[in-house]
Amino acid sequence: MLSTVSFLVAIGFGLIIPAIPIFASSFGVNKTAIGLIVSAFAVMRFSSGLVSGKLVDRFGERAVLGFGLFMVSFFTLLTALSQSYSQLLIFRTLGGLGSSMFSVSAG
């Protein structure tokens, strides 16, 4: 089950990453701002690992994994519905937090 979920999450990331720069450029931002959108997810995923670990200790692996998957899915949907660059940045960053929760609880 866990390997299936991990596979589906990886497929989802692989599908959305190439579209992010194209989508971000539709807001009329420069290449640095586009790079920030791509990096925000990874930076949040990396920097929130310890917090995610504490959540796993407190609430258990299954609950944190489920909530992390929900967060990634929800904020990816909101990313697609973004109306501004700032929304896009916030939603990608929060998706990174969900990804951290998923990764830490699955590992």
PDB file of N, CA and C in Angstrom:
ATOM      1  N   MET A   1       0.821  -1.194   0.000  1.00  0.00           N
ATOM      2  CA  MET A   1       0.000   0.000   0.000  1.00  0.00           C
ATOM      3  C   MET A   1       0.867   1.260   0.000  1.00  0.00           C
ATOM      4  N   LEU A   2       1.863   1.299   0.886  1.00  0.00           N
ATOM      5  CA  LEU A   2       2.722   2.469   0.986  1.00  0.00           C
ATOM      6  C   LEU A   2       3.497   2.702  -0.301  1.00  0.00           C
ATOM      7  N   SER A   3       3.961   1.628  -0.924  1.00  0.00           N
ATOM      8  CA  SER A   3       4.703   1.794  -2.177  1.00  0.00           C
ATOM      9  C   SER A   3       3.790   2.308  -3.286  1.00  0.00           C
ATOM     10  N   THR A   4       2.538   1.916  -3.292  1.00  0.00           N
ATOM     11  CA  THR A   4       1.585   2.420  -4.285  1.00  0.00           C
ATOM     12  C   THR A   4       1.339   3.906  -4.086  1.00  0.00           C
ATOM     13  N   VAL A   5       1.149   4.312  -2.841  1.00  0.00           N
ATOM     14  CA  VAL A   5       0.942   5.730  -2.539  1.00  0.00           C
ATOM     15  C   VAL A   5       2.171   6.533  -2.929  1.00  0.00           C
ATOM     16  N   SER A   6       3.352   6.037  -2.580  1.00  0.00           N
ATOM     17  CA  SER A   6       4.592   6.733  -2.935  1.00  0.00           C
ATOM     18  C   SER A   6       4.739   6.866  -4.443  1.00  0.00           C
ATOM     19  N   PHE A   7       4.399   5.820  -5.162  1.00  0.00           N
ATOM     20  CA  PHE A   7       4.476   5.853  -6.622  1.00  0.00           C
ATOM     21  C   PHE A   7       3.528   6.910  -7.193  1.00  0.00           C
ATOM     22  N   LEU A   8       2.304   6.951  -6.705  1.00  0.00           N
ATOM     23  CA  LEU A   8       1.327   7.920  -7.208  1.00  0.00           C
ATOM     24  C   LEU A   8       1.732   9.356  -6.890  1.00  0.00           C
ATOM     25  N   VAL A   9       2.307   9.572  -5.712  1.00  0.00           N
ATOM     26  CA  VAL A   9       2.791  10.911  -5.359  1.00  0.00           C
ATOM     27  C   VAL A   9       3.932  11.316  -6.286  1.00  0.00           C
ATOM     28  N   ALA A  10       4.852  10.400  -6.547  1.00  0.00           N
ATOM     29  CA  ALA A  10       5.968  10.704  -7.447  1.00  0.00           C
ATOM     30  C   ALA A  10       5.485  11.014  -8.858  1.00  0.00           C
ATOM     31  N   ILE A  11       4.505  10.280  -9.336  1.00  0.00           N
ATOM     32  CA  ILE A  11       3.925  10.554 -10.659  1.00  0.00           C
ATOM     33  C   ILE A  11       3.310  11.951 -10.673  1.00  0.00           C
ATOM     34  N   GLY A  12       2.595  12.292  -9.613  1.00  0.00           N
ATOM     35  CA  GLY A  12       1.984  13.616  -9.519  1.00  0.00           C
ATOM     36  C   GLY A  12       3.011  14.731  -9.560  1.00  0.00           C
ATOM     37  N   PHE A  13       4.120  14.551  -8.838  1.00  0.00           N
ATOM     38  CA  PHE A  13       5.174  15.563  -8.864  1.00  0.00           C
ATOM     39  C   PHE A  13       5.775  15.671 -10.253  1.00  0.00           C
ATOM     40  N   GLY A  14       5.990  14.534 -10.886  1.00  0.00           N
ATOM     41  CA  GLY A  14       6.578  14.529 -12.224  1.00  0.00           C
ATOM     42  C   GLY A  14       5.707  15.206 -13.262  1.00  0.00           C
ATOM     43  N   LEU A  15       4.406  15.147 -13.069  1.00  0.00           N
ATOM     44  CA  LEU A  15       3.488  15.777 -14.013  1.00  0.00           C
ATOM     45  C   LEU A  15       3.381  17.279 -13.813  1.00  0.00           C
ATOM     46  N   ILE A  16       3.460  17.742 -12.572  1.00  0.00           N
ATOM     47  CA  ILE A  16       3.221  19.158 -12.317  1.00  0.00           C
ATOM     48  C   ILE A  16       4.477  20.020 -12.446  1.00  0.00           C
ATOM     49  N   ILE A  17       5.635  19.485 -12.144  1.00  0.00           N
ATOM     50  CA  ILE A  17       6.857  20.290 -12.159  1.00  0.00           C
ATOM     51  C   ILE A  17       7.120  20.950 -13.516  1.00  0.00           C
ATOM     52  N   PRO A  18       7.000  20.257 -14.642  1.00  0.00           N
ATOM     53  CA  PRO A  18       7.244  20.944 -15.924  1.00  0.00           C
ATOM     54  C   PRO A  18       6.233  22.057 -16.219  1.00  0.00           C
ATOM     55  N   ALA A  19       5.047  21.967 -15.656  1.00  0.00           N
ATOM     56  CA  ALA A  19       4.015  22.973 -15.931  1.00  0.00           C
ATOM     57  C   ALA A  19       4.158  24.219 -15.064  1.00  0.00           C
ATOM     58  N   ILE A  20       4.799  24.117 -13.918  1.00  0.00           N
ATOM     59  CA  ILE A  20       4.896  25.253 -12.996  1.00  0.00           C
ATOM     60  C   ILE A  20       5.554  26.473 -13.646  1.00  0.00           C
ATOM     61  N   PRO A  21       6.715  26.354 -14.296  1.00  0.00           N
ATOM     62  CA  PRO A  21       7.314  27.554 -14.905  1.00  0.00           C
ATOM     63  C   PRO A  21       6.427  28.198 -15.968  1.00  0.00           C
ATOM     64  N   ILE A  22       5.750  27.395 -16.745  1.00  0.00           N
ATOM     65  CA  ILE A  22       4.860  27.938 -17.780  1.00  0.00           C
ATOM     66  C   ILE A  22       3.698  28.676 -17.124  1.00  0.00           C
ATOM     67  N   PHE A  23       3.121  28.064 -16.113  1.00  0.00           N
ATOM     68  CA  PHE A  23       2.007  28.679 -15.399  1.00  0.00           C
ATOM     69  C   PHE A  23       2.444  29.966 -14.700  1.00  0.00           C
ATOM     70  N   ALA A  24       3.603  29.934 -14.035  1.00  0.00           N
ATOM     71  CA  ALA A  24       4.101  31.115 -13.321  1.00  0.00           C
ATOM     72  C   ALA A  24       4.384  32.261 -14.279  1.00  0.00           C
ATOM     73  N   SER A  25       4.901  31.953 -15.458  1.00  0.00           N
ATOM     74  CA  SER A  25       5.202  33.021 -16.419  1.00  0.00           C
ATOM     75  C   SER A  25       3.936  33.716 -16.908  1.00  0.00           C
ATOM     76  N   SER A  26       2.787  33.069 -16.784  1.00  0.00           N
ATOM     77  CA  SER A  26       1.529  33.703 -17.191  1.00  0.00           C
ATOM     78  C   SER A  26       1.171  34.879 -16.284  1.00  0.00           C
ATOM     79  N   PHE A  27       1.822  34.981 -15.129  1.00  0.00           N
ATOM     80  CA  PHE A  27       1.600  36.117 -14.237  1.00  0.00           C
ATOM     81  C   PHE A  27       2.562  37.264 -14.533  1.00  0.00           C
ATOM     82  N   GLY A  28       3.377  37.116 -15.562  1.00  0.00           N
ATOM     83  CA  GLY A  28       4.277  38.183 -15.974  1.00  0.00           C
ATOM     84  C   GLY A  28       5.466  38.391 -15.052  1.00  0.00           C
ATOM     85  N   VAL A  29       5.953  37.322 -14.435  1.00  0.00           N
ATOM     86  CA  VAL A  29       7.091  37.436 -13.529  1.00  0.00           C
ATOM     87  C   VAL A  29       8.372  37.020 -14.246  1.00  0.00           C
ATOM     88  N   ASN A  30       9.511  37.435 -13.674  1.00  0.00           N
ATOM     89  CA  ASN A  30      10.796  37.109 -14.294  1.00  0.00           C
ATOM     90  C   ASN A  30      11.239  35.682 -13.949  1.00  0.00           C
ATOM     91  N   LYS A  31      12.365  35.277 -14.513  1.00  0.00           N
ATOM     92  CA  LYS A  31      12.847  33.901 -14.324  1.00  0.00           C
ATOM     93  C   LYS A  31      13.239  33.612 -12.880  1.00  0.00           C
ATOM     94  N   THR A  32      13.710  34.625 -12.174  1.00  0.00           N
ATOM     95  CA  THR A  32      14.053  34.430 -10.764  1.00  0.00           C
ATOM     96  C   THR A  32      12.806  34.089  -9.953  1.00  0.00           C
ATOM     97  N   ALA A  33      11.726  34.795 -10.201  1.00  0.00           N
ATOM     98  CA  ALA A  33      10.468  34.531  -9.495  1.00  0.00           C
ATOM     99  C   ALA A  33       9.927  33.147  -9.847  1.00  0.00           C
ATOM    100  N   ILE A  34      10.106  32.739 -11.084  1.00  0.00           N
ATOM    101  CA  ILE A  34       9.680  31.395 -11.491  1.00  0.00           C
ATOM    102  C   ILE A  34      10.507  30.343 -10.753  1.00  0.00           C
ATOM    103  N   GLY A  35      11.812  30.579 -10.650  1.00  0.00           N
ATOM    104  CA  GLY A  35      12.676  29.667  -9.905  1.00  0.00           C
ATOM    105  C   GLY A  35      12.295  29.582  -8.440  1.00  0.00           C
ATOM    106  N   LEU A  36      11.838  30.697  -7.886  1.00  0.00           N
ATOM    107  CA  LEU A  36      11.407  30.709  -6.493  1.00  0.00           C
ATOM    108  C   LEU A  36      10.182  29.823  -6.284  1.00  0.00           C
ATOM    109  N   ILE A  37       9.289  29.810  -7.248  1.00  0.00           N
ATOM    110  CA  ILE A  37       8.100  28.947  -7.157  1.00  0.00           C
ATOM    111  C   ILE A  37       8.518  27.480  -7.099  1.00  0.00           C
ATOM    112  N   VAL A  38       9.437  27.104  -7.965  1.00  0.00           N
ATOM    113  CA  VAL A  38       9.904  25.711  -7.999  1.00  0.00           C
ATOM    114  C   VAL A  38      10.662  25.376  -6.712  1.00  0.00           C
ATOM    115  N   SER A  39      11.474  26.317  -6.224  1.00  0.00           N
ATOM    116  CA  SER A  39      12.293  26.079  -5.036  1.00  0.00           C
ATOM    117  C   SER A  39      11.503  26.118  -3.740  1.00  0.00           C
ATOM    118  N   ALA A  40      10.417  26.881  -3.694  1.00  0.00           N
ATOM    119  CA  ALA A  40       9.653  27.041  -2.451  1.00  0.00           C
ATOM    120  C   ALA A  40       9.176  25.698  -1.909  1.00  0.00           C
ATOM    121  N   PHE A  41       8.724  24.844  -2.788  1.00  0.00           N
ATOM    122  CA  PHE A  41       8.258  23.517  -2.393  1.00  0.00           C
ATOM    123  C   PHE A  41       9.392  22.738  -1.733  1.00  0.00           C
ATOM    124  N   ALA A  42      10.546  22.707  -2.390  1.00  0.00           N
ATOM    125  CA  ALA A  42      11.679  21.930  -1.882  1.00  0.00           C
ATOM    126  C   ALA A  42      12.221  22.505  -0.578  1.00  0.00           C
ATOM    127  N   VAL A  43      12.301  23.821  -0.483  1.00  0.00           N
ATOM    128  CA  VAL A  43      12.814  24.448   0.736  1.00  0.00           C
ATOM    129  C   VAL A  43      11.895  24.149   1.918  1.00  0.00           C
ATOM    130  N   MET A  44      10.599  24.253   1.715  1.00  0.00           N
ATOM    131  CA  MET A  44       9.659  23.956   2.803  1.00  0.00           C
ATOM    132  C   MET A  44       9.709  22.477   3.168  1.00  0.00           C
ATOM    133  N   ARG A  45       9.822  21.628   2.175  1.00  0.00           N
ATOM    134  CA  ARG A  45       9.900  20.187   2.450  1.00  0.00           C
ATOM    135  C   ARG A  45      11.122  19.868   3.298  1.00  0.00           C
ATOM    136  N   PHE A  46      12.250  20.472   2.969  1.00  0.00           N
ATOM    137  CA  PHE A  46      13.489  20.235   3.702  1.00  0.00           C
ATOM    138  C   PHE A  46      13.439  20.849   5.102  1.00  0.00           C
ATOM    139  N   SER A  47      12.985  22.088   5.185  1.00  0.00           N
ATOM    140  CA  SER A  47      13.058  22.814   6.453  1.00  0.00           C
ATOM    141  C   SER A  47      12.011  22.380   7.476  1.00  0.00           C
ATOM    142  N   SER A  48      10.980  21.690   7.060  1.00  0.00           N
ATOM    143  CA  SER A  48       9.931  21.294   8.008  1.00  0.00           C
ATOM    144  C   SER A  48      10.016  19.822   8.415  1.00  0.00           C
ATOM    145  N   GLY A  49      11.096  19.169   8.078  1.00  0.00           N
ATOM    146  CA  GLY A  49      11.246  17.754   8.411  1.00  0.00           C
ATOM    147  C   GLY A  49      11.216  17.465   9.903  1.00  0.00           C
ATOM    148  N   LEU A  50      11.870  18.312  10.701  1.00  0.00           N
ATOM    149  CA  LEU A  50      11.879  18.083  12.147  1.00  0.00           C
ATOM    150  C   LEU A  50      10.492  18.269  12.752  1.00  0.00           C
ATOM    151  N   VAL A  51       9.779  19.280  12.283  1.00  0.00           N
ATOM    152  CA  VAL A  51       8.411  19.506  12.763  1.00  0.00           C
ATOM    153  C   VAL A  51       7.531  18.321  12.382  1.00  0.00           C
ATOM    154  N   SER A  52       7.697  17.837  11.168  1.00  0.00           N
ATOM    155  CA  SER A  52       6.910  16.683  10.721  1.00  0.00           C
ATOM    156  C   SER A  52       7.212  15.456  11.570  1.00  0.00           C
ATOM    157  N   GLY A  53       8.467  15.286  11.945  1.00  0.00           N
ATOM    158  CA  GLY A  53       8.839  14.176  12.819  1.00  0.00           C
ATOM    159  C   GLY A  53       8.167  14.263  14.179  1.00  0.00           C
ATOM    160  N   LYS A  54       8.096  15.464  14.718  1.00  0.00           N
ATOM    161  CA  LYS A  54       7.399  15.661  15.996  1.00  0.00           C
ATOM    162  C   LYS A  54       5.912  15.331  15.862  1.00  0.00           C
ATOM    163  N   LEU A  55       5.319  15.696  14.729  1.00  0.00           N
ATOM    164  CA  LEU A  55       3.909  15.370  14.495  1.00  0.00           C
ATOM    165  C   LEU A  55       3.697  13.859  14.424  1.00  0.00           C
ATOM    166  N   VAL A  56       4.634  13.156  13.794  1.00  0.00           N
ATOM    167  CA  VAL A  56       4.544  11.687  13.728  1.00  0.00           C
ATOM    168  C   VAL A  56       4.620  11.100  15.132  1.00  0.00           C
ATOM    169  N   ASP A  57       5.543  11.615  15.950  1.00  0.00           N
ATOM    170  CA  ASP A  57       5.658  11.124  17.327  1.00  0.00           C
ATOM    171  C   ASP A  57       4.376  11.361  18.116  1.00  0.00           C
ATOM    172  N   ARG A  58       3.735  12.478  17.867  1.00  0.00           N
ATOM    173  CA  ARG A  58       2.543  12.836  18.648  1.00  0.00           C
ATOM    174  C   ARG A  58       1.264  12.165  18.147  1.00  0.00           C
ATOM    175  N   PHE A  59       1.077  12.137  16.817  1.00  0.00           N
ATOM    176  CA  PHE A  59      -0.197  11.666  16.259  1.00  0.00           C
ATOM    177  C   PHE A  59      -0.120  10.308  15.561  1.00  0.00           C
ATOM    178  N   GLY A  60       1.078   9.809  15.322  1.00  0.00           N
ATOM    179  CA  GLY A  60       1.241   8.519  14.667  1.00  0.00           C
ATOM    180  C   GLY A  60       1.485   8.649  13.169  1.00  0.00           C
ATOM    181  N   GLU A  61       2.130   7.630  12.626  1.00  0.00           N
ATOM    182  CA  GLU A  61       2.518   7.646  11.214  1.00  0.00           C
ATOM    183  C   GLU A  61       1.327   7.722  10.275  1.00  0.00           C
ATOM    184  N   ARG A  62       0.334   6.920  10.522  1.00  0.00           N
ATOM    185  CA  ARG A  62      -0.817   6.834   9.605  1.00  0.00           C
ATOM    186  C   ARG A  62      -1.563   8.169   9.504  1.00  0.00           C
ATOM    187  N   ALA A  63      -1.797   8.819  10.636  1.00  0.00           N
ATOM    188  CA  ALA A  63      -2.533  10.090  10.633  1.00  0.00           C
ATOM    189  C   ALA A  63      -1.744  11.181   9.918  1.00  0.00           C
ATOM    190  N   VAL A  64      -0.448  11.258  10.189  1.00  0.00           N
ATOM    191  CA  VAL A  64       0.380  12.297   9.566  1.00  0.00           C
ATOM    192  C   VAL A  64       0.544  12.022   8.080  1.00  0.00           C
ATOM    193  N   LEU A  65       0.702  10.767   7.707  1.00  0.00           N
ATOM    194  CA  LEU A  65       0.796  10.406   6.290  1.00  0.00           C
ATOM    195  C   LEU A  65      -0.482  10.814   5.551  1.00  0.00           C
ATOM    196  N   GLY A  66      -1.620  10.482   6.109  1.00  0.00           N
ATOM    197  CA  GLY A  66      -2.893  10.830   5.475  1.00  0.00           C
ATOM    198  C   GLY A  66      -3.093  12.326   5.358  1.00  0.00           C
ATOM    199  N   PHE A  67      -2.777  13.049   6.430  1.00  0.00           N
ATOM    200  CA  PHE A  67      -2.948  14.500   6.384  1.00  0.00           C
ATOM    201  C   PHE A  67      -1.943  15.136   5.427  1.00  0.00           C
ATOM    202  N   GLY A  68      -0.719  14.611   5.397  1.00  0.00           N
ATOM    203  CA  GLY A  68       0.281  15.121   4.455  1.00  0.00           C
ATOM    204  C   GLY A  68      -0.151  14.918   3.012  1.00  0.00           C
ATOM    205  N   LEU A  69      -0.689  13.749   2.708  1.00  0.00           N
ATOM    206  CA  LEU A  69      -1.201  13.493   1.353  1.00  0.00           C
ATOM    207  C   LEU A  69      -2.362  14.420   1.012  1.00  0.00           C
ATOM    208  N   PHE A  70      -3.242  14.642   1.985  1.00  0.00           N
ATOM    209  CA  PHE A  70      -4.340  15.585   1.766  1.00  0.00           C
ATOM    210  C   PHE A  70      -3.795  16.977   1.464  1.00  0.00           C
ATOM    211  N   MET A  71      -2.806  17.418   2.257  1.00  0.00           N
ATOM    212  CA  MET A  71      -2.243  18.756   2.042  1.00  0.00           C
ATOM    213  C   MET A  71      -1.623  18.888   0.659  1.00  0.00           C
ATOM    214  N   VAL A  72      -0.826  17.900   0.256  1.00  0.00           N
ATOM    215  CA  VAL A  72      -0.198  17.958  -1.069  1.00  0.00           C
ATOM    216  C   VAL A  72      -1.272  18.024  -2.154  1.00  0.00           C
ATOM    217  N   SER A  73      -2.279  17.195  -2.049  1.00  0.00           N
ATOM    218  CA  SER A  73      -3.353  17.178  -3.050  1.00  0.00           C
ATOM    219  C   SER A  73      -4.125  18.489  -3.068  1.00  0.00           C
ATOM    220  N   PHE A  74      -4.515  18.957  -1.896  1.00  0.00           N
ATOM    221  CA  PHE A  74      -5.313  20.173  -1.783  1.00  0.00           C
ATOM    222  C   PHE A  74      -4.557  21.389  -2.305  1.00  0.00           C
ATOM    223  N   PHE A  75      -3.303  21.542  -1.883  1.00  0.00           N
ATOM    224  CA  PHE A  75      -2.552  22.725  -2.300  1.00  0.00           C
ATOM    225  C   PHE A  75      -2.084  22.627  -3.748  1.00  0.00           C
ATOM    226  N   THR A  76      -1.963  21.428  -4.287  1.00  0.00           N
ATOM    227  CA  THR A  76      -1.695  21.293  -5.718  1.00  0.00           C
ATOM    228  C   THR A  76      -2.916  21.738  -6.517  1.00  0.00           C
ATOM    229  N   LEU A  77      -4.093  21.376  -6.058  1.00  0.00           N
ATOM    230  CA  LEU A  77      -5.322  21.852  -6.704  1.00  0.00           C
ATOM    231  C   LEU A  77      -5.412  23.374  -6.632  1.00  0.00           C
ATOM    232  N   LEU A  78      -5.144  23.932  -5.453  1.00  0.00           N
ATOM    233  CA  LEU A  78      -5.184  25.391  -5.321  1.00  0.00           C
ATOM    234  C   LEU A  78      -4.116  26.064  -6.180  1.00  0.00           C
ATOM    235  N   THR A  79      -2.971  25.403  -6.346  1.00  0.00           N
ATOM    236  CA  THR A  79      -1.939  25.932  -7.235  1.00  0.00           C
ATOM    237  C   THR A  79      -2.498  26.097  -8.640  1.00  0.00           C
ATOM    238  N   ALA A  80      -3.220  25.102  -9.100  1.00  0.00           N
ATOM    239  CA  ALA A  80      -3.804  25.163 -10.447  1.00  0.00           C
ATOM    240  C   ALA A  80      -4.852  26.265 -10.565  1.00  0.00           C
ATOM    241  N   LEU A  81      -5.459  26.642  -9.452  1.00  0.00           N
ATOM    242  CA  LEU A  81      -6.506  27.666  -9.464  1.00  0.00           C
ATOM    243  C   LEU A  81      -5.998  29.050  -9.066  1.00  0.00           C
ATOM    244  N   SER A  82      -4.689  29.188  -8.890  1.00  0.00           N
ATOM    245  CA  SER A  82      -4.108  30.457  -8.449  1.00  0.00           C
ATOM    246  C   SER A  82      -4.469  31.593  -9.396  1.00  0.00           C
ATOM    247  N   GLN A  83      -4.770  32.744  -8.790  1.00  0.00           N
ATOM    248  CA  GLN A  83      -5.113  33.934  -9.563  1.00  0.00           C
ATOM    249  C   GLN A  83      -3.997  34.970  -9.562  1.00  0.00           C
ATOM    250  N   SER A  84      -2.937  34.723  -8.783  1.00  0.00           N
ATOM    251  CA  SER A  84      -1.828  35.669  -8.710  1.00  0.00           C
ATOM    252  C   SER A  84      -0.538  34.914  -8.391  1.00  0.00           C
ATOM    253  N   TYR A  85       0.570  35.611  -8.595  1.00  0.00           N
ATOM    254  CA  TYR A  85       1.869  35.024  -8.286  1.00  0.00           C
ATOM    255  C   TYR A  85       1.981  34.725  -6.792  1.00  0.00           C
ATOM    256  N   SER A  86       1.508  35.625  -5.944  1.00  0.00           N
ATOM    257  CA  SER A  86       1.626  35.406  -4.501  1.00  0.00           C
ATOM    258  C   SER A  86       0.828  34.180  -4.056  1.00  0.00           C
ATOM    259  N   GLN A  87      -0.347  33.978  -4.615  1.00  0.00           N
ATOM    260  CA  GLN A  87      -1.109  32.766  -4.303  1.00  0.00           C
ATOM    261  C   GLN A  87      -0.342  31.528  -4.735  1.00  0.00           C
ATOM    262  N   LEU A  88       0.225  31.569  -5.912  1.00  0.00           N
ATOM    263  CA  LEU A  88       0.995  30.438  -6.430  1.00  0.00           C
ATOM    264  C   LEU A  88       2.149  30.103  -5.491  1.00  0.00           C
ATOM    265  N   LEU A  89       2.853  31.116  -5.034  1.00  0.00           N
ATOM    266  CA  LEU A  89       3.982  30.914  -4.128  1.00  0.00           C
ATOM    267  C   LEU A  89       3.524  30.325  -2.790  1.00  0.00           C
ATOM    268  N   ILE A  90       2.465  30.855  -2.236  1.00  0.00           N
ATOM    269  CA  ILE A  90       1.954  30.357  -0.950  1.00  0.00           C
ATOM    270  C   ILE A  90       1.475  28.914  -1.072  1.00  0.00           C
ATOM    271  N   PHE A  91       0.727  28.608  -2.113  1.00  0.00           N
ATOM    272  CA  PHE A  91       0.189  27.257  -2.266  1.00  0.00           C
ATOM    273  C   PHE A  91       1.290  26.234  -2.509  1.00  0.00           C
ATOM    274  N   ARG A  92       2.306  26.579  -3.283  1.00  0.00           N
ATOM    275  CA  ARG A  92       3.418  25.642  -3.501  1.00  0.00           C
ATOM    276  C   ARG A  92       4.202  25.432  -2.210  1.00  0.00           C
ATOM    277  N   THR A  93       4.380  26.498  -1.437  1.00  0.00           N
ATOM    278  CA  THR A  93       5.100  26.377  -0.171  1.00  0.00           C
ATOM    279  C   THR A  93       4.351  25.466   0.797  1.00  0.00           C
ATOM    280  N   LEU A  94       3.053  25.655   0.919  1.00  0.00           N
ATOM    281  CA  LEU A  94       2.259  24.809   1.815  1.00  0.00           C
ATOM    282  C   LEU A  94       2.190  23.363   1.315  1.00  0.00           C
ATOM    283  N   GLY A  95       2.231  23.172   0.014  1.00  0.00           N
ATOM    284  CA  GLY A  95       2.320  21.820  -0.533  1.00  0.00           C
ATOM    285  C   GLY A  95       3.610  21.137  -0.109  1.00  0.00           C
ATOM    286  N   GLY A  96       4.687  21.908  -0.009  1.00  0.00           N
ATOM    287  CA  GLY A  96       5.961  21.367   0.468  1.00  0.00           C
ATOM    288  C   GLY A  96       5.888  20.894   1.904  1.00  0.00           C
ATOM    289  N   LEU A  97       5.112  21.593   2.720  1.00  0.00           N
ATOM    290  CA  LEU A  97       4.906  21.156   4.100  1.00  0.00           C
ATOM    291  C   LEU A  97       4.187  19.808   4.130  1.00  0.00           C
ATOM    292  N   GLY A  98       3.157  19.671   3.325  1.00  0.00           N
ATOM    293  CA  GLY A  98       2.447  18.390   3.243  1.00  0.00           C
ATOM    294  C   GLY A  98       3.350  17.275   2.746  1.00  0.00           C
ATOM    295  N   SER A  99       4.207  17.603   1.795  1.00  0.00           N
ATOM    296  CA  SER A  99       5.139  16.607   1.271  1.00  0.00           C
ATOM    297  C   SER A  99       6.118  16.154   2.346  1.00  0.00           C
ATOM    298  N   SER A 100       6.550  17.085   3.177  1.00  0.00           N
ATOM    299  CA  SER A 100       7.438  16.730   4.281  1.00  0.00           C
ATOM    300  C   SER A 100       6.743  15.778   5.246  1.00  0.00           C
ATOM    301  N   MET A 101       5.490  16.066   5.542  1.00  0.00           N
ATOM    302  CA  MET A 101       4.735  15.197   6.451  1.00  0.00           C
ATOM    303  C   MET A 101       4.603  13.795   5.865  1.00  0.00           C
ATOM    304  N   PHE A 102       4.316  13.733   4.577  1.00  0.00           N
ATOM    305  CA  PHE A 102       4.199  12.436   3.912  1.00  0.00           C
ATOM    306  C   PHE A 102       5.532  11.690   3.938  1.00  0.00           C
ATOM    307  N   SER A 103       6.596  12.387   3.555  1.00  0.00           N
ATOM    308  CA  SER A 103       7.911  11.744   3.452  1.00  0.00           C
ATOM    309  C   SER A 103       8.411  11.231   4.793  1.00  0.00           C
ATOM    310  N   VAL A 104       8.281  12.049   5.820  1.00  0.00           N
ATOM    311  CA  VAL A 104       8.777  11.655   7.140  1.00  0.00           C
ATOM    312  C   VAL A 104       7.963  10.486   7.700  1.00  0.00           C
ATOM    313  N   SER A 105       6.656  10.531   7.548  1.00  0.00           N
ATOM    314  CA  SER A 105       5.831   9.451   8.101  1.00  0.00           C
ATOM    315  C   SER A 105       5.973   8.157   7.308  1.00  0.00           C
ATOM    316  N   ALA A 106       6.279   8.260   6.020  1.00  0.00           N
ATOM    317  CA  ALA A 106       6.446   7.061   5.195  1.00  0.00           C
ATOM    318  C   ALA A 106       7.810   6.418   5.403  1.00  0.00           C
ATOM    319  N   GLY A 107       8.781   7.212   5.830  1.00  0.00           N
ATOM    320  CA  GLY A 107      10.152   6.731   5.942  1.00  0.00           C
ATOM    321  C   GLY A 107      10.410   6.024   7.195  1.00  0.00           C
TER     322      GLY A 107
END
